[in-house]
Amino acid sequence: MKVVTGFSAYRLLGNDFIFKTEFGTLNHTLVVAGTISPLLRNENMEEFAEDLPLENISNVFYRNAFDNTFYGPGWSEEDNSKCYQSKISSISIDENCTSVHDDAKGRERFDPHGGENIPVIDPYYHFTRSLWSSIGLEDLPQIKVGMNHDLTATIAHEETLYEILDHMESISCNFSADSLFKFLGRIDKRRNGSWQEATDVVVSLLSKLKLLQPGLVIVDGSGLSRLNRLTTSFLARLVYISSKEGEIFLRHLPSPGKGTLRNRLLEMRDLDIMAKTGSLAGVSSLTGYIERFKLSFSIIVNDSNNNEEEIRNVVDEILVDAIHRYEKVSE
C-alpha cells in the first residue's frame, strides 16, 4: 500500500510540496495548526519553545487537519499497543510514539521505530508536554482541539514531500504513510481529512490513470488493514507508469543493501533494483522496478503458515528465479 500512497501523493502534490506545522499566539492562547508533521521530533521542540512566550500561555488550541478517527478501517485492536500502529493525527511528534520510561526530556535521539516503545494515549497532551518540558516548564495549559481558530503564525516547522517519501518508503513507516493518506483526503476540500475521503481521492486518481481493476479495495495508506485488496498486476502497472516519468518517485524506494532491503537481494545490486517491501502476519510482498531491464514486477505471498523470514526468502527466490529466466531469454 505504501507504493500506492507514495505514488498518489507524488502525482497529486509533487516532490517539493511543503507541509507546515505553524505556531502563533493570540492573547494568552497558543495556537498550533498543522497539515502533517510525521518527521517532527522531540529534539526540535526547544527551538520552537524558546521563541514563544509559553510562561504567559494559559490555553493551547490545536487546529487539526484530520477528523478524530485515529485508527484506520480494519486495523487490528490487538496492535493498538504497538508503535507501528500509533494514533494518526496531523499534529504529532515522534510519530505519536514514546519510550516506556519517557520523561519528555533528554530524548534527543529517540527512535520511534526502535526499542521498547509504546504509542501515546493523547497526541495533543504529548505534544504540549514535550513543548513545555523542553524549556523546563511543569505547569501545562488547558488543551483544546478543533477545526477553526485565528492564527497569525510566528514560527513554522516545514517538511517536504520528498523528505517524507524518503523516510516512508525506505524504512516502511506506517505513521508517515497514513498521515499522507489522510492528508490527501482534504487537499480539494475545506473539511478535515478522513479515511473515506482519502480513499475517494486515491481511487479517483487511479481511475484517471486507467489503473483501476475490478475488486480493487483501498482503505488506508500503510497497508495495516486486511481490508485492502490489491493485485500484482495493478502494482506492477503502477510502478511501470511511474518509471515513464523519469523514475523520480521510484528513487524513494529502497535498493538492495539499503532500508528494508539492507539484507536482501545483495547479489542483484548491479541490476539497479528499486523495490518496496510489505508484510503482515502470513503475508509478504515485494513490488518494484529493475532499471537494467526496464521491467516492473510485483510478488505477493498470502495466507502462509511460515514465519516472516521464510516467506520473505520465498519472495526473493521467486524474483531471483524470474530474473535468471529473463536473462536467458534475452541472450
Protein backbone atom coordinates (compact mmCIF):
# COMPACT_ATOMS: atom_id res chain seq x y z
CA MET A 1 0.00 0.00 0.00
CA LYS A 2 2.86 2.43 0.68
CA VAL A 3 3.77 2.35 -3.03
CA VAL A 4 0.19 3.37 -3.86
CA THR A 5 0.14 6.10 -1.20
CA GLY A 6 3.54 7.48 -2.16
CA PHE A 7 2.76 7.40 -5.86
CA SER A 8 -0.59 9.15 -5.30
CA ALA A 9 0.96 11.86 -3.12
CA TYR A 10 3.74 12.40 -5.65
CA ARG A 11 1.28 12.72 -8.53
CA LEU A 12 -1.16 14.99 -6.67
CA LEU A 13 1.28 17.18 -4.72
CA GLY A 14 4.74 16.99 -6.28
CA ASN A 15 8.09 16.22 -4.62
CA ASP A 16 8.60 19.84 -3.50
CA PHE A 17 5.25 20.23 -1.73
CA ILE A 18 5.79 21.76 1.72
CA PHE A 19 3.88 20.64 4.81
CA LYS A 20 3.79 23.09 7.71
CA THR A 21 3.11 22.98 11.42
CA GLU A 22 2.66 26.60 12.48
CA PHE A 23 2.79 28.26 15.91
CA GLY A 24 1.25 31.60 16.86
CA THR A 25 -0.13 33.36 19.92
CA LEU A 26 -3.38 35.21 20.44
CA ASN A 27 -3.78 36.85 23.86
CA HIS A 28 -2.90 34.05 26.29
CA THR A 29 -3.58 31.24 23.82
CA LEU A 30 -1.00 29.36 21.82
CA VAL A 31 -2.43 28.16 18.51
CA VAL A 32 -0.81 25.21 16.72
CA ALA A 33 -2.04 24.43 13.21
CA GLY A 34 -0.74 21.54 11.19
CA THR A 35 -1.03 19.96 7.79
CA ILE A 36 1.10 16.94 8.78
CA SER A 37 4.45 16.65 10.54
CA PRO A 38 5.46 12.96 10.58
CA LEU A 39 9.18 13.83 10.77
CA LEU A 40 8.90 16.27 13.70
CA ARG A 41 10.92 15.05 16.68
CA ASN A 42 11.16 15.92 20.36
CA GLU A 43 14.61 17.47 19.89
CA ASN A 44 13.06 20.13 17.64
CA MET A 45 10.75 21.41 20.35
CA GLU A 46 13.23 23.55 22.28
CA GLU A 47 13.96 25.73 19.25
CA PHE A 48 10.25 26.47 18.93
CA ALA A 49 9.65 26.95 22.65
CA GLU A 50 12.44 29.48 23.05
CA ASP A 51 10.71 31.85 20.60
CA LEU A 52 7.25 31.53 22.15
CA PRO A 53 6.04 33.21 25.37
CA LEU A 54 5.00 29.93 26.96
CA GLU A 55 5.24 31.29 30.52
CA ASN A 56 2.25 33.53 29.74
CA ILE A 57 0.16 30.90 27.95
CA SER A 58 -2.90 29.55 29.76
CA ASN A 59 -4.53 27.77 26.79
CA VAL A 60 -3.29 25.90 23.75
CA PHE A 61 -5.56 25.31 20.77
CA TYR A 62 -4.72 22.62 18.21
CA ARG A 63 -6.23 23.19 14.79
CA ASN A 64 -6.33 19.65 13.45
CA ALA A 65 -6.39 18.87 9.73
CA PHE A 66 -7.94 15.43 10.25
CA ASP A 67 -11.14 14.03 11.69
CA ASN A 68 -10.94 12.31 15.08
CA THR A 69 -10.78 8.75 13.78
CA PHE A 70 -7.28 7.87 14.93
CA TYR A 71 -7.27 4.27 13.65
CA GLY A 72 -7.82 3.07 10.11
CA PRO A 73 -10.67 0.81 8.93
CA GLY A 74 -9.91 -2.83 9.63
CA TRP A 75 -6.91 -2.23 11.87
CA SER A 76 -6.40 -4.92 14.50
CA GLU A 77 -7.27 -3.73 18.02
CA GLU A 78 -4.56 -6.02 19.33
CA ASP A 79 -1.94 -3.87 17.60
CA ASN A 80 -3.10 -0.57 19.14
CA SER A 81 -0.46 -1.10 21.84
CA LYS A 82 2.33 -1.21 19.23
CA CYS A 83 4.22 1.80 17.90
CA TYR A 84 3.83 0.61 14.32
CA GLN A 85 0.09 1.29 14.78
CA SER A 86 0.09 4.56 16.72
CA LYS A 87 -2.75 7.10 16.52
CA ILE A 88 -2.84 9.18 13.33
CA SER A 89 -3.12 12.92 13.98
CA SER A 90 -1.96 15.80 11.81
CA ILE A 91 -0.09 17.41 14.73
CA SER A 92 2.45 14.99 16.18
CA ILE A 93 5.96 14.42 17.42
CA ASP A 94 7.98 11.22 17.29
CA GLU A 95 5.22 9.57 15.25
CA ASN A 96 2.97 9.61 18.34
CA CYS A 97 5.29 7.13 20.00
CA THR A 98 7.16 7.37 23.30
CA SER A 99 9.60 5.36 25.36
CA VAL A 100 8.31 3.20 28.19
CA HIS A 101 10.23 5.33 30.71
CA ASP A 102 9.57 8.65 28.99
CA ASP A 103 10.30 11.83 30.95
CA ALA A 104 9.87 14.09 27.87
CA LYS A 105 13.43 15.32 28.42
CA GLY A 106 16.78 14.04 27.29
CA ARG A 107 15.33 12.08 24.38
CA GLU A 108 17.33 13.84 21.70
CA ARG A 109 17.98 10.63 19.78
CA PHE A 110 14.69 8.86 20.44
CA ASP A 111 13.83 6.44 17.64
CA PRO A 112 10.09 5.72 17.32
CA HIS A 113 10.95 2.57 15.36
CA GLY A 114 13.28 1.02 17.91
CA GLY A 115 13.38 -0.43 21.42
CA GLU A 116 10.61 -0.99 23.91
CA ASN A 117 8.39 1.90 22.82
CA ILE A 118 4.65 2.46 23.17
CA PRO A 119 2.08 4.66 21.39
CA VAL A 120 0.99 7.82 23.20
CA ILE A 121 -2.56 7.89 24.57
CA ASP A 122 -3.28 11.55 23.75
CA PRO A 123 -1.24 13.07 20.87
CA TYR A 124 -2.13 16.64 21.87
CA TYR A 125 -1.22 16.22 25.52
CA HIS A 126 2.03 14.54 24.45
CA PHE A 127 2.85 17.41 22.08
CA THR A 128 2.09 20.01 24.76
CA ARG A 129 4.10 18.23 27.42
CA SER A 130 7.10 17.92 25.14
CA LEU A 131 6.95 21.59 24.15
CA TRP A 132 6.62 22.88 27.72
CA SER A 133 9.18 20.43 29.16
CA SER A 134 11.75 21.42 26.55
CA ILE A 135 12.35 24.68 28.43
CA GLY A 136 11.68 23.37 31.92
CA LEU A 137 8.04 24.40 32.42
CA GLU A 138 5.98 21.97 34.51
CA ASP A 139 2.51 23.53 34.69
CA LEU A 140 0.70 22.70 31.45
CA PRO A 141 -2.05 24.91 29.96
CA GLN A 142 -5.61 23.89 29.13
CA ILE A 143 -5.75 21.96 25.85
CA LYS A 144 -8.45 22.31 23.22
CA VAL A 145 -8.72 20.73 19.76
CA GLY A 146 -10.89 21.97 16.92
CA MET A 147 -11.12 22.87 13.24
CA ASN A 148 -11.08 26.66 13.24
CA HIS A 149 -9.13 29.32 15.09
CA ASP A 150 -7.50 32.59 14.08
CA LEU A 151 -3.76 32.20 13.67
CA THR A 152 -1.02 34.63 12.76
CA ALA A 153 1.94 32.29 12.51
CA THR A 154 5.23 33.41 14.01
CA ILE A 155 7.12 30.10 13.74
CA ALA A 156 6.73 27.19 11.35
CA HIS A 157 8.16 23.70 11.09
CA GLU A 158 8.40 22.57 7.46
CA GLU A 159 8.75 19.18 5.81
CA THR A 160 8.79 18.47 2.08
CA LEU A 161 7.04 15.56 0.45
CA TYR A 162 10.48 14.49 -0.81
CA GLU A 163 11.73 14.12 2.79
CA ILE A 164 8.62 12.28 3.93
CA LEU A 165 8.65 9.86 0.97
CA ASP A 166 12.34 9.12 1.53
CA HIS A 167 11.65 8.21 5.16
CA MET A 168 8.39 6.40 4.50
CA GLU A 169 9.46 4.21 1.60
CA SER A 170 12.97 3.50 2.87
CA ILE A 171 12.06 2.14 6.30
CA SER A 172 8.38 1.35 5.58
CA CYS A 173 7.00 3.88 8.07
CA ASN A 174 3.29 3.28 8.73
CA PHE A 175 2.74 6.59 10.51
CA SER A 176 4.09 8.66 7.60
CA ALA A 177 2.06 6.65 5.10
CA ASP A 178 -1.24 7.04 6.94
CA SER A 179 -0.57 10.72 7.67
CA LEU A 180 -0.01 11.31 3.97
CA PHE A 181 -3.06 9.25 3.06
CA LYS A 182 -5.42 11.19 5.32
CA PHE A 183 -3.97 14.48 4.12
CA LEU A 184 -4.82 13.53 0.54
CA GLY A 185 -8.44 13.32 1.71
CA ARG A 186 -8.57 17.07 2.29
CA ILE A 187 -6.48 18.60 -0.50
CA ASP A 188 -9.51 19.67 -2.51
CA LYS A 189 -11.86 20.25 0.41
CA ARG A 190 -12.30 22.58 3.37
CA ARG A 191 -13.31 19.82 5.79
CA ASN A 192 -10.90 17.70 7.79
CA GLY A 193 -9.31 14.69 6.14
CA SER A 194 -10.90 11.30 6.74
CA TRP A 195 -10.10 7.75 5.71
CA GLN A 196 -13.06 7.60 3.31
CA GLU A 197 -12.28 10.94 1.66
CA ALA A 198 -8.67 9.85 1.21
CA THR A 199 -9.84 6.62 -0.39
CA ASP A 200 -12.06 8.60 -2.77
CA VAL A 201 -9.18 10.87 -3.82
CA VAL A 202 -6.76 7.98 -4.45
CA VAL A 203 -9.35 5.90 -6.32
CA SER A 204 -10.23 8.93 -8.46
CA LEU A 205 -6.57 9.40 -9.40
CA LEU A 206 -6.16 5.71 -10.26
CA SER A 207 -9.31 5.87 -12.36
CA LYS A 208 -7.96 8.83 -14.36
CA LEU A 209 -4.77 6.86 -14.99
CA LYS A 210 -6.83 3.83 -16.08
CA LEU A 211 -5.28 1.71 -13.32
CA LEU A 212 -8.45 0.60 -11.56
CA GLN A 213 -9.32 -3.08 -11.64
CA PRO A 214 -12.46 -4.97 -10.56
CA GLY A 215 -12.25 -5.86 -6.87
CA LEU A 216 -9.58 -3.28 -6.03
CA VAL A 217 -10.05 -2.02 -2.44
CA ILE A 218 -8.07 0.73 -0.71
CA VAL A 219 -8.91 1.80 2.86
CA ASP A 220 -5.67 3.08 4.40
CA GLY A 221 -2.23 4.33 3.41
CA SER A 222 0.09 1.91 5.17
CA GLY A 223 -1.40 -1.49 4.43
CA LEU A 224 -2.07 -2.27 8.11
CA SER A 225 -5.66 -3.10 7.22
CA ARG A 226 -6.51 -6.51 5.83
CA LEU A 227 -9.47 -4.92 4.08
CA ASN A 228 -7.14 -3.65 1.34
CA ARG A 229 -7.30 -5.68 -1.87
CA LEU A 230 -4.54 -5.17 -4.43
CA THR A 231 -3.28 -7.37 -7.25
CA THR A 232 0.24 -7.89 -8.51
CA SER A 233 -0.78 -6.77 -12.00
CA PHE A 234 -2.14 -3.48 -10.61
CA LEU A 235 1.01 -2.79 -8.59
CA ALA A 236 3.35 -3.69 -11.44
CA ARG A 237 1.44 -1.39 -13.82
CA LEU A 238 1.55 1.45 -11.31
CA VAL A 239 5.32 1.11 -10.96
CA TYR A 240 5.75 0.90 -14.73
CA ILE A 241 3.78 4.13 -15.22
CA SER A 242 5.99 5.77 -12.61
CA SER A 243 9.11 4.62 -14.45
CA LYS A 244 7.94 6.52 -17.54
CA GLU A 245 8.03 9.75 -15.54
CA GLY A 246 11.78 9.74 -15.08
CA GLU A 247 11.87 7.41 -12.06
CA ILE A 248 11.78 10.34 -9.62
CA PHE A 249 9.25 8.66 -7.35
CA LEU A 250 10.87 5.23 -7.72
CA ARG A 251 14.16 6.59 -6.38
CA HIS A 252 12.49 6.88 -2.97
CA LEU A 253 12.20 3.07 -2.85
CA PRO A 254 14.97 1.04 -1.18
CA SER A 255 17.61 -0.70 -3.22
CA PRO A 256 19.48 -3.89 -2.20
CA GLY A 257 21.66 -3.12 0.81
CA LYS A 258 19.56 -0.14 1.93
CA GLY A 259 16.44 0.46 4.04
CA THR A 260 14.16 -2.56 4.30
CA LEU A 261 16.32 -4.28 1.64
CA ARG A 262 19.56 -3.83 3.61
CA ASN A 263 19.99 -7.62 3.93
CA ARG A 264 18.13 -8.70 0.82
CA LEU A 265 18.94 -9.27 -2.87
CA LEU A 266 22.54 -8.21 -2.31
CA GLU A 267 23.71 -10.41 -5.21
CA MET A 268 21.44 -8.33 -7.50
CA ARG A 269 22.91 -4.91 -6.69
CA ASP A 270 24.28 -4.37 -10.19
CA LEU A 271 20.76 -4.54 -11.69
CA ASP A 272 19.71 -1.25 -10.03
CA ILE A 273 16.59 -2.65 -8.38
CA MET A 274 14.23 -0.23 -6.61
CA ALA A 275 11.59 -2.06 -4.58
CA LYS A 276 9.13 -1.69 -1.72
CA THR A 277 8.59 -4.45 0.80
CA GLY A 278 5.32 -5.21 2.54
CA SER A 279 4.38 -7.58 5.33
CA LEU A 280 1.63 -8.70 7.69
CA ALA A 281 1.33 -11.94 9.60
CA GLY A 282 1.29 -14.64 6.92
CA VAL A 283 1.81 -12.08 4.14
CA SER A 284 4.90 -10.80 2.34
CA SER A 285 5.22 -8.73 -0.81
CA LEU A 286 7.81 -7.03 -2.97
CA THR A 287 6.99 -4.51 -5.69
CA GLY A 288 9.45 -2.53 -7.75
CA TYR A 289 11.43 -1.81 -10.86
CA ILE A 290 14.61 -3.23 -12.43
CA GLU A 291 16.40 -0.40 -14.18
CA ARG A 292 18.80 -2.70 -16.08
CA PHE A 293 15.91 -4.42 -17.88
CA LYS A 294 13.31 -1.60 -17.73
CA LEU A 295 10.91 -4.04 -16.09
CA SER A 296 8.43 -3.64 -13.24
CA PHE A 297 7.41 -6.54 -11.00
CA SER A 298 5.18 -7.40 -8.07
CA ILE A 299 5.12 -10.54 -5.91
CA ILE A 300 2.64 -11.23 -3.11
CA VAL A 301 2.51 -14.30 -0.87
CA ASN A 302 -0.74 -14.58 1.11
CA ASP A 303 -2.03 -16.85 3.89
CA SER A 304 1.28 -18.55 4.57
CA ASN A 305 1.87 -20.58 7.74
CA ASN A 306 5.62 -19.99 7.55
CA ASN A 307 7.40 -17.40 9.66
CA GLU A 308 8.23 -13.93 8.34
CA GLU A 309 11.80 -14.75 7.32
CA GLU A 310 10.79 -17.90 5.47
CA ILE A 311 8.06 -16.09 3.50
CA ARG A 312 10.47 -13.26 2.68
CA ASN A 313 13.02 -15.77 1.39
CA VAL A 314 10.38 -17.34 -0.86
CA VAL A 315 9.57 -13.91 -2.35
CA ASP A 316 13.25 -13.21 -3.02
CA GLU A 317 13.73 -16.64 -4.60
CA ILE A 318 10.79 -16.03 -6.93
CA LEU A 319 12.27 -12.71 -8.08
CA VAL A 320 15.81 -14.08 -8.50
CA ASP A 321 14.48 -17.04 -10.49
CA ALA A 322 12.41 -14.72 -12.71
CA ILE A 323 15.47 -12.53 -13.35
CA HIS A 324 17.60 -15.54 -14.33
CA ARG A 325 14.87 -16.75 -16.69
CA TYR A 326 14.59 -13.31 -18.27
CA GLU A 327 18.36 -13.10 -18.75
CA LYS A 328 18.39 -16.46 -20.55
CA VAL A 329 15.53 -15.46 -22.83
CA SER A 330 17.24 -12.15 -23.62
CA GLU A 331 20.57 -13.72 -24.57
